[in-house]
Structures are given as C-alpha cells and as structure tokens.
Amino acid sequence: MELVQRLCNFINEYTEATKQLRSFLAKNWNKLTPDEFYVFIGLLMYFSIVKLPRMELYWSTEKL
C-alpha cells in the first residue's frame, strides 16, 4: 500500500507541476487516490484478459 500511495503522490505532483502546459487538466484534475489507482490496474487486467472487437464494447451493456 505504501508503494501505491507513493506512486499516487508522484503522479499528483507531476500533474500539478505541468498543469499549465495542459489546459484541460487545470479545471478537471482531481488528485489520484490509491483506490482509484487500484481500479485502473484492475481495468488494465480485465482488458488484457477479456478480448472484445471494439473498445466501446467494454463500456456497453449490449450483449455480444
């Protein structure tokens, strides 16, 4: 857990330092939390295991 917290801190610090270069981050960025980071890793694992023909199908409720 400490490693994930440190990664989140580094990501948040980098984003704060480079926010002026990317105007879309200036208004929309919320600090990354360890829980959100774990969700992201879980999604990466899911996407690597479940193969769908189109990216939008991962978010769709339609049946294949």
PDB file of N, CA and C in Angstrom:
ATOM      1  N   MET A   1       0.820  -1.198   0.000  1.00  0.00           N
ATOM      2  CA  MET A   1       0.000   0.000   0.000  1.00  0.00           C
ATOM      3  C   MET A   1       0.862   1.259   0.000  1.00  0.00           C
ATOM      4  N   GLU A   2       1.989   1.214   0.694  1.00  0.00           N
ATOM      5  CA  GLU A   2       2.863   2.382   0.740  1.00  0.00           C
ATOM      6  C   GLU A   2       3.396   2.725  -0.648  1.00  0.00           C
ATOM      7  N   LEU A   3       3.729   1.707  -1.441  1.00  0.00           N
ATOM      8  CA  LEU A   3       4.223   1.935  -2.793  1.00  0.00           C
ATOM      9  C   LEU A   3       3.158   2.612  -3.651  1.00  0.00           C
ATOM     10  N   VAL A   4       1.935   2.147  -3.561  1.00  0.00           N
ATOM     11  CA  VAL A   4       0.850   2.738  -4.350  1.00  0.00           C
ATOM     12  C   VAL A   4       0.611   4.184  -3.922  1.00  0.00           C
ATOM     13  N   GLN A   5       0.657   4.451  -2.642  1.00  0.00           N
ATOM     14  CA  GLN A   5       0.494   5.826  -2.166  1.00  0.00           C
ATOM     15  C   GLN A   5       1.613   6.721  -2.701  1.00  0.00           C
ATOM     16  N   ARG A   6       2.833   6.215  -2.702  1.00  0.00           N
ATOM     17  CA  ARG A   6       3.963   6.995  -3.243  1.00  0.00           C
ATOM     18  C   ARG A   6       3.777   7.253  -4.734  1.00  0.00           C
ATOM     19  N   LEU A   7       3.325   6.242  -5.477  1.00  0.00           N
ATOM     20  CA  LEU A   7       3.067   6.435  -6.914  1.00  0.00           C
ATOM     21  C   LEU A   7       2.005   7.508  -7.132  1.00  0.00           C
ATOM     22  N   CYS A   8       0.936   7.449  -6.356  1.00  0.00           N
ATOM     23  CA  CYS A   8      -0.114   8.464  -6.460  1.00  0.00           C
ATOM     24  C   CYS A   8       0.440   9.854  -6.152  1.00  0.00           C
ATOM     25  N   ASN A   9       1.270   9.949  -5.133  1.00  0.00           N
ATOM     26  CA  ASN A   9       1.875  11.244  -4.788  1.00  0.00           C
ATOM     27  C   ASN A   9       2.732  11.771  -5.938  1.00  0.00           C
ATOM     28  N   PHE A  10       3.541  10.914  -6.540  1.00  0.00           N
ATOM     29  CA  PHE A  10       4.378  11.334  -7.670  1.00  0.00           C
ATOM     30  C   PHE A  10       3.520  11.779  -8.852  1.00  0.00           C
ATOM     31  N   ILE A  11       2.466  11.026  -9.150  1.00  0.00           N
ATOM     32  CA  ILE A  11       1.572  11.387 -10.257  1.00  0.00           C
ATOM     33  C   ILE A  11       0.913  12.731  -9.979  1.00  0.00           C
ATOM     34  N   ASN A  12       0.435  12.924  -8.758  1.00  0.00           N
ATOM     35  CA  ASN A  12      -0.213  14.190  -8.408  1.00  0.00           C
ATOM     36  C   ASN A  12       0.766  15.359  -8.456  1.00  0.00           C
ATOM     37  N   GLU A  13       1.980  15.158  -7.978  1.00  0.00           N
ATOM     38  CA  GLU A  13       2.996  16.220  -8.023  1.00  0.00           C
ATOM     39  C   GLU A  13       3.348  16.568  -9.469  1.00  0.00           C
ATOM     40  N   TYR A  14       3.522  15.562 -10.305  1.00  0.00           N
ATOM     41  CA  TYR A  14       3.852  15.802 -11.717  1.00  0.00           C
ATOM     42  C   TYR A  14       2.727  16.569 -12.407  1.00  0.00           C
ATOM     43  N   THR A  15       1.490  16.166 -12.125  1.00  0.00           N
ATOM     44  CA  THR A  15       0.345  16.827 -12.742  1.00  0.00           C
ATOM     45  C   THR A  15       0.267  18.284 -12.305  1.00  0.00           C
ATOM     46  N   GLU A  16       0.469  18.544 -11.028  1.00  0.00           N
ATOM     47  CA  GLU A  16       0.472  19.927 -10.537  1.00  0.00           C
ATOM     48  C   GLU A  16       1.571  20.749 -11.215  1.00  0.00           C
ATOM     49  N   ALA A  17       2.742  20.153 -11.371  1.00  0.00           N
ATOM     50  CA  ALA A  17       3.876  20.873 -11.956  1.00  0.00           C
ATOM     51  C   ALA A  17       3.689  21.165 -13.438  1.00  0.00           C
ATOM     52  N   THR A  18       2.922  20.340 -14.143  1.00  0.00           N
ATOM     53  CA  THR A  18       2.776  20.506 -15.598  1.00  0.00           C
ATOM     54  C   THR A  18       1.374  20.936 -16.000  1.00  0.00           C
ATOM     55  N   LYS A  19       0.554  21.330 -15.043  1.00  0.00           N
ATOM     56  CA  LYS A  19      -0.830  21.698 -15.334  1.00  0.00           C
ATOM     57  C   LYS A  19      -0.944  22.842 -16.336  1.00  0.00           C
ATOM     58  N   GLN A  20      -0.056  23.809 -16.249  1.00  0.00           N
ATOM     59  CA  GLN A  20      -0.136  24.963 -17.144  1.00  0.00           C
ATOM     60  C   GLN A  20       0.084  24.571 -18.602  1.00  0.00           C
ATOM     61  N   LEU A  21       0.799  23.467 -18.831  1.00  0.00           N
ATOM     62  CA  LEU A  21       1.062  23.031 -20.199  1.00  0.00           C
ATOM     63  C   LEU A  21      -0.150  22.364 -20.834  1.00  0.00           C
ATOM     64  N   ARG A  22      -1.045  21.885 -19.996  1.00  0.00           N
ATOM     65  CA  ARG A  22      -2.245  21.193 -20.491  1.00  0.00           C
ATOM     66  C   ARG A  22      -3.473  21.838 -19.864  1.00  0.00           C
ATOM     67  N   SER A  23      -4.116  22.714 -20.606  1.00  0.00           N
ATOM     68  CA  SER A  23      -5.222  23.487 -20.032  1.00  0.00           C
ATOM     69  C   SER A  23      -6.391  22.607 -19.591  1.00  0.00           C
ATOM     70  N   PHE A  24      -6.605  21.449 -20.245  1.00  0.00           N
ATOM     71  CA  PHE A  24      -7.728  20.598 -19.853  1.00  0.00           C
ATOM     72  C   PHE A  24      -7.541  20.021 -18.453  1.00  0.00           C
ATOM     73  N   LEU A  25      -6.285  19.900 -17.976  1.00  0.00           N
ATOM     74  CA  LEU A  25      -6.046  19.407 -16.621  1.00  0.00           C
ATOM     75  C   LEU A  25      -6.331  20.478 -15.577  1.00  0.00           C
ATOM     76  N   ALA A  26      -6.178  21.725 -15.956  1.00  0.00           N
ATOM     77  CA  ALA A  26      -6.311  22.806 -14.987  1.00  0.00           C
ATOM     78  C   ALA A  26      -7.674  22.805 -14.313  1.00  0.00           C
ATOM     79  N   LYS A  27      -8.739  22.510 -15.063  1.00  0.00           N
ATOM     80  CA  LYS A  27     -10.050  22.545 -14.432  1.00  0.00           C
ATOM     81  C   LYS A  27     -10.568  21.184 -14.029  1.00  0.00           C
ATOM     82  N   ASN A  28     -10.079  20.119 -14.632  1.00  0.00           N
ATOM     83  CA  ASN A  28     -10.694  18.813 -14.421  1.00  0.00           C
ATOM     84  C   ASN A  28      -9.911  17.849 -13.532  1.00  0.00           C
ATOM     85  N   TRP A  29      -8.729  18.200 -13.116  1.00  0.00           N
ATOM     86  CA  TRP A  29      -7.904  17.242 -12.377  1.00  0.00           C
ATOM     87  C   TRP A  29      -8.314  17.162 -10.914  1.00  0.00           C
ATOM     88  N   ASN A  30      -8.568  15.929 -10.470  1.00  0.00           N
ATOM     89  CA  ASN A  30      -8.740  15.628  -9.052  1.00  0.00           C
ATOM     90  C   ASN A  30      -7.576  14.738  -8.665  1.00  0.00           C
ATOM     91  N   LYS A  31      -7.052  14.937  -7.482  1.00  0.00           N
ATOM     92  CA  LYS A  31      -5.892  14.140  -7.074  1.00  0.00           C
ATOM     93  C   LYS A  31      -6.211  12.655  -7.110  1.00  0.00           C
ATOM     94  N   LEU A  32      -5.254  11.902  -7.630  1.00  0.00           N
ATOM     95  CA  LEU A  32      -5.390  10.456  -7.728  1.00  0.00           C
ATOM     96  C   LEU A  32      -5.252   9.830  -6.345  1.00  0.00           C
ATOM     97  N   THR A  33      -6.155   8.901  -6.041  1.00  0.00           N
ATOM     98  CA  THR A  33      -6.110   8.199  -4.758  1.00  0.00           C
ATOM     99  C   THR A  33      -5.673   6.754  -4.986  1.00  0.00           C
ATOM    100  N   PRO A  34      -5.174   6.086  -3.964  1.00  0.00           N
ATOM    101  CA  PRO A  34      -4.804   4.677  -4.118  1.00  0.00           C
ATOM    102  C   PRO A  34      -5.981   3.807  -4.574  1.00  0.00           C
ATOM    103  N   ASP A  35      -7.182   4.079  -4.085  1.00  0.00           N
ATOM    104  CA  ASP A  35      -8.350   3.296  -4.524  1.00  0.00           C
ATOM    105  C   ASP A  35      -8.573   3.437  -6.025  1.00  0.00           C
ATOM    106  N   GLU A  36      -8.465   4.654  -6.545  1.00  0.00           N
ATOM    107  CA  GLU A  36      -8.618   4.879  -7.979  1.00  0.00           C
ATOM    108  C   GLU A  36      -7.502   4.187  -8.766  1.00  0.00           C
ATOM    109  N   PHE A  37      -6.312   4.207  -8.215  1.00  0.00           N
ATOM    110  CA  PHE A  37      -5.183   3.553  -8.872  1.00  0.00           C
ATOM    111  C   PHE A  37      -5.428   2.050  -8.988  1.00  0.00           C
ATOM    112  N   TYR A  38      -5.940   1.435  -7.916  1.00  0.00           N
ATOM    113  CA  TYR A  38      -6.244   0.003  -7.950  1.00  0.00           C
ATOM    114  C   TYR A  38      -7.347  -0.310  -8.965  1.00  0.00           C
ATOM    115  N   VAL A  39      -8.328   0.569  -9.087  1.00  0.00           N
ATOM    116  CA  VAL A  39      -9.384   0.374 -10.093  1.00  0.00           C
ATOM    117  C   VAL A  39      -8.766   0.413 -11.487  1.00  0.00           C
ATOM    118  N   PHE A  40      -7.865   1.348 -11.724  1.00  0.00           N
ATOM    119  CA  PHE A  40      -7.191   1.459 -13.016  1.00  0.00           C
ATOM    120  C   PHE A  40      -6.414   0.179 -13.339  1.00  0.00           C
ATOM    121  N   ILE A  41      -5.662  -0.327 -12.370  1.00  0.00           N
ATOM    122  CA  ILE A  41      -4.905  -1.569 -12.578  1.00  0.00           C
ATOM    123  C   ILE A  41      -5.862  -2.724 -12.855  1.00  0.00           C
ATOM    124  N   GLY A  42      -6.976  -2.778 -12.131  1.00  0.00           N
ATOM    125  CA  GLY A  42      -7.976  -3.813 -12.369  1.00  0.00           C
ATOM    126  C   GLY A  42      -8.548  -3.746 -13.771  1.00  0.00           C
ATOM    127  N   LEU A  43      -8.813  -2.533 -14.263  1.00  0.00           N
ATOM    128  CA  LEU A  43      -9.317  -2.383 -15.630  1.00  0.00           C
ATOM    129  C   LEU A  43      -8.281  -2.840 -16.655  1.00  0.00           C
ATOM    130  N   LEU A  44      -7.020  -2.494 -16.429  1.00  0.00           N
ATOM    131  CA  LEU A  44      -5.970  -2.957 -17.343  1.00  0.00           C
ATOM    132  C   LEU A  44      -5.917  -4.482 -17.394  1.00  0.00           C
ATOM    133  N   MET A  45      -6.048  -5.112 -16.232  1.00  0.00           N
ATOM    134  CA  MET A  45      -6.040  -6.580 -16.186  1.00  0.00           C
ATOM    135  C   MET A  45      -7.263  -7.149 -16.911  1.00  0.00           C
ATOM    136  N   TYR A  46      -8.428  -6.562 -16.676  1.00  0.00           N
ATOM    137  CA  TYR A  46      -9.653  -7.012 -17.337  1.00  0.00           C
ATOM    138  C   TYR A  46      -9.528  -6.893 -18.851  1.00  0.00           C
ATOM    139  N   PHE A  47      -9.040  -5.735 -19.322  1.00  0.00           N
ATOM    140  CA  PHE A  47      -8.898  -5.518 -20.761  1.00  0.00           C
ATOM    141  C   PHE A  47      -7.897  -6.493 -21.385  1.00  0.00           C
ATOM    142  N   SER A  48      -6.917  -6.933 -20.624  1.00  0.00           N
ATOM    143  CA  SER A  48      -5.928  -7.858 -21.179  1.00  0.00           C
ATOM    144  C   SER A  48      -6.447  -9.293 -21.209  1.00  0.00           C
ATOM    145  N   ILE A  49      -7.438  -9.604 -20.367  1.00  0.00           N
ATOM    146  CA  ILE A  49      -7.985 -10.962 -20.319  1.00  0.00           C
ATOM    147  C   ILE A  49      -9.186 -11.107 -21.245  1.00  0.00           C
ATOM    148  N   VAL A  50     -10.115 -10.151 -21.191  1.00  0.00           N
ATOM    149  CA  VAL A  50     -11.340 -10.199 -21.981  1.00  0.00           C
ATOM    150  C   VAL A  50     -11.093  -9.434 -23.280  1.00  0.00           C
ATOM    151  N   LYS A  51     -11.132 -10.141 -24.396  1.00  0.00           N
ATOM    152  CA  LYS A  51     -10.885  -9.506 -25.692  1.00  0.00           C
ATOM    153  C   LYS A  51     -12.203  -9.224 -26.393  1.00  0.00           C
ATOM    154  N   LEU A  52     -12.453  -7.960 -26.672  1.00  0.00           N
ATOM    155  CA  LEU A  52     -13.640  -7.544 -27.395  1.00  0.00           C
ATOM    156  C   LEU A  52     -13.209  -6.884 -28.703  1.00  0.00           C
ATOM    157  N   PRO A  53     -14.057  -6.950 -29.726  1.00  0.00           N
ATOM    158  CA  PRO A  53     -13.655  -6.424 -31.035  1.00  0.00           C
ATOM    159  C   PRO A  53     -13.516  -4.897 -31.107  1.00  0.00           C
ATOM    160  N   ARG A  54     -14.258  -4.185 -30.260  1.00  0.00           N
ATOM    161  CA  ARG A  54     -14.197  -2.718 -30.272  1.00  0.00           C
ATOM    162  C   ARG A  54     -14.098  -2.191 -28.850  1.00  0.00           C
ATOM    163  N   MET A  55     -13.328  -1.138 -28.661  1.00  0.00           N
ATOM    164  CA  MET A  55     -13.094  -0.571 -27.333  1.00  0.00           C
ATOM    165  C   MET A  55     -14.390  -0.161 -26.648  1.00  0.00           C
ATOM    166  N   GLU A  56     -15.322   0.428 -27.392  1.00  0.00           N
ATOM    167  CA  GLU A  56     -16.550   0.912 -26.758  1.00  0.00           C
ATOM    168  C   GLU A  56     -17.405  -0.217 -26.178  1.00  0.00           C
ATOM    169  N   LEU A  57     -17.176  -1.447 -26.613  1.00  0.00           N
ATOM    170  CA  LEU A  57     -17.932  -2.577 -26.076  1.00  0.00           C
ATOM    171  C   LEU A  57     -17.576  -2.876 -24.614  1.00  0.00           C
ATOM    172  N   TYR A  58     -16.420  -2.456 -24.160  1.00  0.00           N
ATOM    173  CA  TYR A  58     -16.059  -2.661 -22.751  1.00  0.00           C
ATOM    174  C   TYR A  58     -16.994  -1.859 -21.828  1.00  0.00           C
ATOM    175  N   TRP A  59     -17.569  -0.778 -22.340  1.00  0.00           N
ATOM    176  CA  TRP A  59     -18.430   0.086 -21.525  1.00  0.00           C
ATOM    177  C   TRP A  59     -19.899  -0.109 -21.850  1.00  0.00           C
ATOM    178  N   SER A  60     -20.193  -0.953 -22.825  1.00  0.00           N
ATOM    179  CA  SER A  60     -21.558  -1.129 -23.307  1.00  0.00           C
ATOM    180  C   SER A  60     -22.305  -2.193 -22.493  1.00  0.00           C
ATOM    181  N   THR A  61     -23.621  -2.082 -22.498  1.00  0.00           N
ATOM    182  CA  THR A  61     -24.467  -3.091 -21.850  1.00  0.00           C
ATOM    183  C   THR A  61     -25.067  -4.040 -22.872  1.00  0.00           C
ATOM    184  N   GLU A  62     -24.786  -3.815 -24.170  1.00  0.00           N
ATOM    185  CA  GLU A  62     -25.326  -4.711 -25.199  1.00  0.00           C
ATOM    186  C   GLU A  62     -24.634  -6.063 -25.138  1.00  0.00           C
ATOM    187  N   LYS A  63     -25.375  -7.094 -25.474  1.00  0.00           N
ATOM    188  CA  LYS A  63     -24.811  -8.447 -25.454  1.00  0.00           C
ATOM    189  C   LYS A  63     -24.152  -8.723 -26.788  1.00  0.00           C
ATOM    190  N   LEU A  64     -23.095  -9.511 -26.746  1.00  0.00           N
ATOM    191  CA  LEU A  64     -22.380  -9.865 -27.984  1.00  0.00           C
ATOM    192  C   LEU A  64     -23.008 -11.082 -28.611  1.00  0.00           C
TER     193      LEU A  64
END
